[in-house]
């Protein structure tokens, strides 16, 4: 055991505690806090953010970190400790470059901006949120500029915060493949999808019954209610304080059966990942997911690869029908499976089908690139957004709420995050293909036995937290780094079979 690391540990524990407190305010803000709290609570968030920064950026941490980065000290560290030192180095470099007063101001501002976004979306008035978005982007450009080295573009700095394995070059290659292979398939499927009657999905579904069934679904896929809770929010999300306190939210709409069900499966996928983090590394710098791309792979794995399959619903479809007998008594399982996999161009990302989903991400990625290379002004964003939807989807938003204002991410300054959804969607397919060669996935699902699937994911991915990055995990699980062919092959095979193309 390194004595230097022992000296560092209590300093890291303090930083973790401050970060946890800040996370609790974020959870409260999005779930139960009154609307008018934000302007005042933002001061508390700002102070906590300032204290967090001071706990990380100081002479004691700097000296210990520098010593631990030396080759001689590295010899005395475990694999986990080396990973913690590596992550601390990244965090220290990131925070040290930002003046403390600017870091505090940014965190206070985003706390307010998120509420402004929510109201602007409700009122369908982009112009009310635009000034806040402009200032947030100014903050992020400045922060990225502080950190950019050599010829690295500011937007690449932000991308690296979410997945270090995917910069602009890798994403452009991936997205070009999706556009060339999937957009034509989507157009072909959309013509056939018109024959799928999905009217049952938009009947009236009692909200209390939805909550009850969604709680069942969460437990069914593996959410542990002794270590997690479910709340409601405008935008479903997952938050972990540690592996024994993982919190997820859902959103319920009376006239959309699928929405809450697949949101809860998705968020449960995130939660299971966090709950399976090894006790030895939870509450450390590597005590979360390997990357946002890998995190999204787990939620999309459960939501799509498992949750939209007939084998998954075979053991539990009767329970769904019995929950809503008046609406579903004449909808057999085959009809339901075609319904939940119906594909067509759409406007809302969170409600998008599996085939069109990544097109939504490409649009956001391309707009973010434009923003950070100064190719578009804030005032022009709704127009650019609408043009891209028309170009890629053949449809145009009629309101800001279903267009530029539909996502919460930018109100928090989370630029560079969106590509993680697409990376994760593709990684999920790659992992599924590998697992299917090692175990009878269809049989397990058909039997309602998800335990072997969860155990495999825990042992090869979840328990390691962020000790390894996305490509290192894929090498361990699949014997190769990221390969988008699995994703494209999966979609082509699935939808050609579903629609007899």
Foldseek 3Di string as FASTA:
>chain_A
DQPLVVQCVVLLLVLLVLVLVLVVVVVCLFFPDDLVCQLVCLLVSLVSQLVSLVSLDDPSNVVSLVVCPDPVNVVVDDLLVVLLSVLSVVVNLLSVLDPSVLRSVLSSLLSVLLSQLVVCLVVLHVVSNLVSLVVLLVSQLVSLVSRDDDPDASLQSLLCQFAVVDGPVNLVVLVVVLLVQQLVVLVVLQVLLVPQDQQLQQDFDDPVLLVVVLVVLLVLLPQDPQQEDEGAGPDWDWDDSALSYIYIYFYDDRGGSVLRNLSSLLRSQLNLLRNLAAPVCISGSLSAFQGLLQSLLRSLLRSPVQVLDLLQCQVPVVVVCVSPVVSPVPPDSLSVSSNLQRAAQDQALSNHHLSCNVLLLVLLLVVLVCSSVVNDGSVCVLVSQQVSSCVRRVDGDPTCSSTVSVDSCSSSSSRSNSVSNVSSNQVNLLLVVLVVVVDVVSVCSNVSHCVVVSVVCSVQGRHRGNSDGQQVSCCSRPVGGRDSVSVSVVVVVVSCVSSVD
